[in-house]
Amino acid sequence: MLVTACGQVPQPFRPSGQKTAVVARAPGPSIALVVLPLQGTDAGPLDALTDRVVIELQKAEIAATTAHIPNRYRLAGEVRRLRGDGSDTTLAFRWILLDPSGAVTDSLDHVERLAGADWTTARPIAIRGLATTVSGHLVRLVNGDLPVAEEVQPPALVSLAGITGAPGDGNRALDTAIRAALSKQGLTLGPASDATRATLELHVAVAPADRTSDRVTLLWLVRDATGRERGRLEQQNTVPAGRLNRRWGDIADLAAGAAAPDLARILEALAADRG
């Protein structure tokens, strides 16, 4: 029987003892990684993001820390705020992985976007969502971006049955966002066919929470090939009143990014349970 994931996701929208021993060389970056303070011109959000990235790396079983421990791999990062597009903030990231001797072993560049003043005000919910995305890149950097195609089985074919109820451009924005977010989890949403083993659907509801804010509820449902519900995931959050009446922007990306890991687990469990 498939165990469903349910309950609210408190995200934007969303460890065992070890023996120590003297070794001849420093442990690899996955075992011990010193994360240096992010460099850039926005001290407040940079400090908050540094701390949150450490937490997300630890969740990914990388022993990250901001403590200055000698003879360890170090991760240095720089963030530049580019000219914004409308109300969005565009951030250019540059990461460098250094071995214990200080030699550069690898580097990574990527660009991320946040809505409006979420970056300059270091809005906690936005920083958490950004750290989740950033840490996904960093895990691949630290682990050497090893190919995984030969290590995992192809996912079961999953189709997106539909997204309904979102105001503004939400249905379209969420469609694009969840496809991208699940792709990062190794799952591709394809068209419905006789081979489809699971379908994913999303129901969105936006209602006034009070005079100044709206409550947004996203209910994700996973069904098997017979149409029987096999898993569900609910997200809730409040946004300024009317914020979603036109363009969802990064809210769609943050919601999909927070939901994708749990949805992937449900879909993968369904694939394993199909036999």
Protein backbone atom coordinates (compact mmCIF):
# COMPACT_ATOMS: atom_id res chain seq x y z
CA MET A 1 0.00 0.00 0.00
CA LEU A 2 1.39 3.35 -0.98
CA VAL A 3 1.97 5.78 1.85
CA THR A 4 0.77 9.22 0.87
CA ALA A 5 2.46 12.49 1.72
CA CYS A 6 -0.04 14.95 3.07
CA GLY A 7 -0.24 18.00 5.26
CA GLN A 8 0.84 21.57 4.88
CA VAL A 9 4.25 22.39 3.51
CA PRO A 10 5.74 25.26 5.56
CA GLN A 11 7.82 26.48 2.65
CA PRO A 12 7.77 29.40 0.35
CA PHE A 13 4.80 29.71 -1.18
CA ARG A 14 7.14 25.90 1.36
CA PRO A 15 21.10 12.98 11.05
CA SER A 16 24.29 9.41 13.80
CA GLY A 17 27.48 9.26 15.69
CA GLN A 18 30.71 8.89 13.80
CA LYS A 19 34.11 7.58 14.84
CA THR A 20 37.05 9.84 14.27
CA ALA A 21 40.52 8.78 13.31
CA VAL A 22 43.79 10.36 12.32
CA VAL A 23 44.11 10.17 8.57
CA ALA A 24 46.87 11.06 6.19
CA ARG A 25 44.72 13.34 4.08
CA ALA A 26 41.81 15.67 4.68
CA PRO A 27 38.29 14.24 4.34
CA GLY A 28 36.47 14.88 1.09
CA PRO A 29 34.05 17.78 0.71
CA SER A 30 30.97 15.64 1.34
CA ILE A 31 32.41 14.60 4.71
CA ALA A 32 33.60 18.03 5.84
CA LEU A 33 32.97 21.30 4.03
CA VAL A 34 33.60 24.80 5.34
CA VAL A 35 31.20 27.27 3.73
CA LEU A 36 32.74 30.73 3.64
CA PRO A 37 30.49 33.81 4.00
CA LEU A 38 28.93 34.78 0.68
CA GLN A 39 30.55 37.87 -0.82
CA GLY A 40 28.70 40.76 -2.47
CA THR A 41 27.18 44.14 -1.78
CA ASP A 42 24.01 43.04 0.07
CA ALA A 43 25.32 42.04 3.49
CA GLY A 44 21.96 41.25 5.14
CA PRO A 45 20.56 38.78 2.62
CA LEU A 46 24.03 37.31 1.94
CA ASP A 47 24.50 36.40 5.60
CA ALA A 48 21.01 34.93 5.81
CA LEU A 49 21.50 32.93 2.62
CA THR A 50 24.89 31.59 3.77
CA ASP A 51 23.36 30.23 6.97
CA ARG A 52 20.40 28.71 5.15
CA VAL A 53 22.56 27.08 2.46
CA VAL A 54 24.53 25.34 5.23
CA ILE A 55 21.29 23.94 6.63
CA GLU A 56 20.15 22.68 3.20
CA LEU A 57 23.54 21.06 2.53
CA GLN A 58 23.34 19.28 5.88
CA LYS A 59 19.92 17.95 4.88
CA ALA A 60 21.63 16.54 1.78
CA GLU A 61 24.09 14.68 4.08
CA ILE A 62 27.01 17.02 3.42
CA ALA A 63 28.71 18.02 6.67
CA ALA A 64 28.70 21.74 5.92
CA THR A 65 29.64 24.31 8.52
CA THR A 66 30.58 27.99 8.74
CA ALA A 67 33.16 27.24 11.44
CA HIS A 68 36.77 27.82 10.39
CA ILE A 69 38.17 24.28 10.63
CA PRO A 70 41.68 23.74 9.27
CA ASN A 71 42.59 21.11 6.69
CA ARG A 72 39.11 20.99 5.15
CA TYR A 73 37.57 21.65 1.76
CA ARG A 74 36.12 25.15 1.47
CA LEU A 75 33.28 26.57 -0.59
CA ALA A 76 33.51 30.25 -1.55
CA GLY A 77 30.63 32.10 -3.17
CA GLU A 78 29.93 35.51 -4.65
CA VAL A 79 26.56 37.02 -5.54
CA ARG A 80 26.01 39.96 -7.89
CA ARG A 81 22.65 41.66 -8.19
CA LEU A 82 21.93 42.28 -11.86
CA ARG A 83 19.56 44.83 -13.29
CA GLY A 84 16.07 43.67 -12.43
CA ASP A 85 13.33 42.83 -14.90
CA GLY A 86 10.29 44.77 -13.74
CA SER A 87 9.65 43.86 -10.11
CA ASP A 88 12.03 40.89 -10.09
CA THR A 89 15.58 40.72 -8.71
CA THR A 90 18.12 38.75 -10.76
CA LEU A 91 21.11 37.28 -8.91
CA ALA A 92 24.29 35.96 -10.54
CA PHE A 93 26.07 33.32 -8.43
CA ARG A 94 29.70 32.24 -8.68
CA TRP A 95 30.89 29.31 -6.53
CA ILE A 96 34.43 27.97 -6.16
CA LEU A 97 35.34 24.70 -4.44
CA LEU A 98 38.82 24.69 -2.90
CA ASP A 99 40.74 21.73 -1.54
CA PRO A 100 42.50 21.91 1.86
CA SER A 101 45.63 23.37 0.22
CA GLY A 102 43.60 26.23 -1.29
CA ALA A 103 43.73 24.93 -4.86
CA VAL A 104 40.57 25.33 -6.94
CA THR A 105 39.02 21.95 -7.74
CA ASP A 106 35.83 23.08 -9.47
CA SER A 107 33.54 26.06 -9.99
CA LEU A 108 29.92 26.79 -10.82
CA ASP A 109 27.98 29.76 -12.20
CA HIS A 110 24.21 30.11 -12.21
CA VAL A 111 21.50 32.79 -12.19
CA GLU A 112 18.43 32.88 -9.96
CA ARG A 113 15.49 35.28 -9.65
CA LEU A 114 13.45 36.53 -6.72
CA ALA A 115 10.31 38.63 -6.62
CA GLY A 116 10.53 42.33 -5.83
CA ALA A 117 12.12 43.30 -2.53
CA ASP A 118 12.35 39.73 -1.23
CA TRP A 119 16.14 39.83 -1.68
CA THR A 120 16.98 43.26 -0.32
CA THR A 121 14.77 42.74 2.73
CA ALA A 122 16.06 39.17 3.22
CA ARG A 123 12.50 37.89 3.48
CA PRO A 124 12.90 34.57 5.33
CA ILE A 125 10.44 32.60 3.22
CA ALA A 126 12.19 33.72 0.02
CA ILE A 127 15.68 33.05 1.41
CA ARG A 128 14.64 29.50 2.34
CA GLY A 129 13.30 28.86 -1.15
CA LEU A 130 16.41 30.31 -2.76
CA ALA A 131 18.68 28.22 -0.51
CA THR A 132 16.80 25.07 -1.50
CA THR A 133 17.43 25.79 -5.18
CA VAL A 134 21.04 26.84 -4.65
CA SER A 135 21.89 23.80 -2.54
CA GLY A 136 20.68 21.55 -5.35
CA HIS A 137 23.39 23.04 -7.57
CA LEU A 138 25.99 22.81 -4.82
CA VAL A 139 25.36 19.15 -4.06
CA ARG A 140 26.22 18.35 -7.67
CA LEU A 141 29.30 20.58 -7.47
CA VAL A 142 30.55 18.99 -4.25
CA ASN A 143 29.88 15.47 -5.49
CA GLY A 144 31.65 16.10 -8.77
CA ASP A 145 28.46 16.15 -10.88
CA LEU A 146 28.78 12.41 -11.46
CA PRO A 147 26.50 10.96 -14.15
CA VAL A 148 23.56 9.12 -12.64
CA ALA A 149 21.91 7.70 -15.74
CA GLU A 150 23.48 4.27 -15.18
CA GLU A 151 22.74 4.26 -11.46
CA VAL A 152 18.99 4.76 -11.47
CA GLN A 153 16.14 3.10 -13.25
CA PRO A 154 14.10 5.15 -15.72
CA PRO A 155 11.13 6.73 -13.95
CA ALA A 156 7.61 5.57 -14.59
CA LEU A 157 5.84 7.67 -17.19
CA VAL A 158 3.88 10.40 -15.44
CA SER A 159 1.47 12.81 -17.08
CA LEU A 160 0.17 16.15 -15.85
CA ALA A 161 -3.60 15.79 -15.91
CA GLY A 162 -4.24 19.49 -15.40
CA ILE A 163 -3.99 22.55 -13.19
CA THR A 164 -7.17 24.40 -12.28
CA GLY A 165 -8.36 27.29 -10.16
CA ALA A 166 -5.36 29.62 -10.21
CA PRO A 167 -6.09 33.30 -10.95
CA GLY A 168 -4.01 35.38 -13.33
CA ASP A 169 -1.44 33.38 -15.28
CA GLY A 170 -1.16 30.86 -12.43
CA ASN A 171 -2.32 27.75 -14.27
CA ARG A 172 0.25 28.25 -17.01
CA ALA A 173 3.02 29.43 -14.65
CA LEU A 174 2.55 26.48 -12.30
CA ASP A 175 2.50 24.06 -15.24
CA THR A 176 5.89 25.34 -16.40
CA ALA A 177 7.29 25.48 -12.87
CA ILE A 178 6.35 21.95 -11.78
CA ARG A 179 7.71 20.44 -15.00
CA ALA A 180 11.05 22.14 -14.35
CA ALA A 181 11.07 21.30 -10.63
CA LEU A 182 10.30 17.60 -11.18
CA SER A 183 12.88 17.45 -13.94
CA LYS A 184 15.49 18.39 -11.33
CA GLN A 185 14.24 15.40 -9.32
CA GLY A 186 14.79 13.10 -12.32
CA LEU A 187 11.13 12.89 -13.34
CA THR A 188 9.72 13.99 -16.67
CA LEU A 189 6.04 14.80 -17.11
CA GLY A 190 4.95 13.37 -20.44
CA PRO A 191 1.68 13.28 -22.36
CA ALA A 192 -1.04 10.89 -21.28
CA SER A 193 -0.97 7.54 -23.09
CA ASP A 194 -1.78 3.88 -22.60
CA ALA A 195 1.63 3.52 -20.94
CA THR A 196 0.96 6.21 -18.34
CA ARG A 197 1.40 4.72 -14.88
CA ALA A 198 0.49 7.84 -12.89
CA THR A 199 -1.11 11.21 -13.33
CA LEU A 200 -0.54 14.40 -11.40
CA GLU A 201 -3.16 17.10 -10.99
CA LEU A 202 -3.24 20.38 -9.11
CA HIS A 203 -6.22 22.27 -7.70
CA VAL A 204 -5.61 25.87 -6.64
CA ALA A 205 -7.83 28.00 -4.43
CA VAL A 206 -7.29 31.66 -3.51
CA ALA A 207 -9.54 33.27 -0.92
CA PRO A 208 -9.32 36.36 1.32
CA ALA A 209 -7.49 35.68 4.58
CA ASP A 210 -8.10 39.17 5.98
CA ARG A 211 -8.39 42.71 4.66
CA THR A 212 -4.83 42.84 3.39
CA SER A 213 -3.94 39.27 2.41
CA ASP A 214 -5.14 36.24 0.47
CA ARG A 215 -4.75 32.60 1.50
CA VAL A 216 -3.48 30.36 -1.29
CA THR A 217 -4.04 26.61 -1.15
CA LEU A 218 -2.39 24.20 -3.58
CA LEU A 219 -3.64 20.60 -3.51
CA TRP A 220 -1.54 18.15 -5.53
CA LEU A 221 -3.12 14.75 -6.26
CA VAL A 222 -1.36 11.66 -7.64
CA ARG A 223 -3.50 8.96 -9.26
CA ASP A 224 -2.57 5.57 -10.62
CA ALA A 225 -3.46 4.21 -14.04
CA THR A 226 -6.94 3.27 -12.82
CA GLY A 227 -7.65 6.79 -11.61
CA ARG A 228 -7.43 5.85 -7.92
CA GLU A 229 -5.89 8.49 -5.69
CA ARG A 230 -2.53 7.24 -4.39
CA GLY A 231 -1.04 10.35 -2.83
CA ARG A 232 -1.70 13.97 -2.04
CA LEU A 233 0.25 17.01 -0.92
CA GLU A 234 -1.19 20.29 0.30
CA GLN A 235 0.55 23.66 0.48
CA GLN A 236 -0.82 26.81 2.04
CA ASN A 237 0.48 30.33 2.35
CA THR A 238 -0.68 33.92 2.49
CA VAL A 239 0.21 36.62 -0.02
CA PRO A 240 -0.74 40.31 -0.26
CA ALA A 241 -4.33 40.71 -1.39
CA GLY A 242 -4.59 40.64 -5.18
CA ARG A 243 -0.91 39.70 -5.63
CA LEU A 244 -1.77 36.71 -7.84
CA ASN A 245 -4.50 38.29 -9.95
CA ARG A 246 -2.11 38.84 -12.84
CA ARG A 247 1.44 37.47 -12.87
CA TRP A 248 2.58 34.73 -10.47
CA GLY A 249 6.28 35.06 -11.31
CA ASP A 250 8.61 33.47 -8.78
CA ILE A 251 5.76 32.40 -6.50
CA ALA A 252 4.99 29.60 -8.97
CA ASP A 253 8.66 28.54 -9.02
CA LEU A 254 8.96 28.58 -5.23
CA ALA A 255 5.72 26.63 -4.73
CA ALA A 256 6.69 24.00 -7.30
CA GLY A 257 10.24 23.77 -5.94
CA ALA A 258 8.93 23.16 -2.41
CA ALA A 259 6.44 20.51 -3.58
CA ALA A 260 8.67 18.64 -6.04
CA PRO A 261 10.75 16.51 -3.61
CA ASP A 262 7.68 15.08 -1.86
CA LEU A 263 5.80 14.62 -5.13
CA ALA A 264 8.81 12.78 -6.56
CA ARG A 265 8.84 10.43 -3.57
CA ILE A 266 5.13 9.67 -4.03
CA LEU A 267 5.55 9.05 -7.77
CA GLU A 268 8.62 6.87 -7.28
CA ALA A 269 6.84 4.86 -4.57
CA LEU A 270 3.92 4.36 -6.94
CA ALA A 271 6.29 3.12 -9.64
CA ALA A 272 7.85 0.64 -7.21
CA ASP A 273 4.38 -0.46 -6.07
CA ARG A 274 3.01 -1.06 -9.56
CA GLY A 275 4.00 -4.68 -9.80
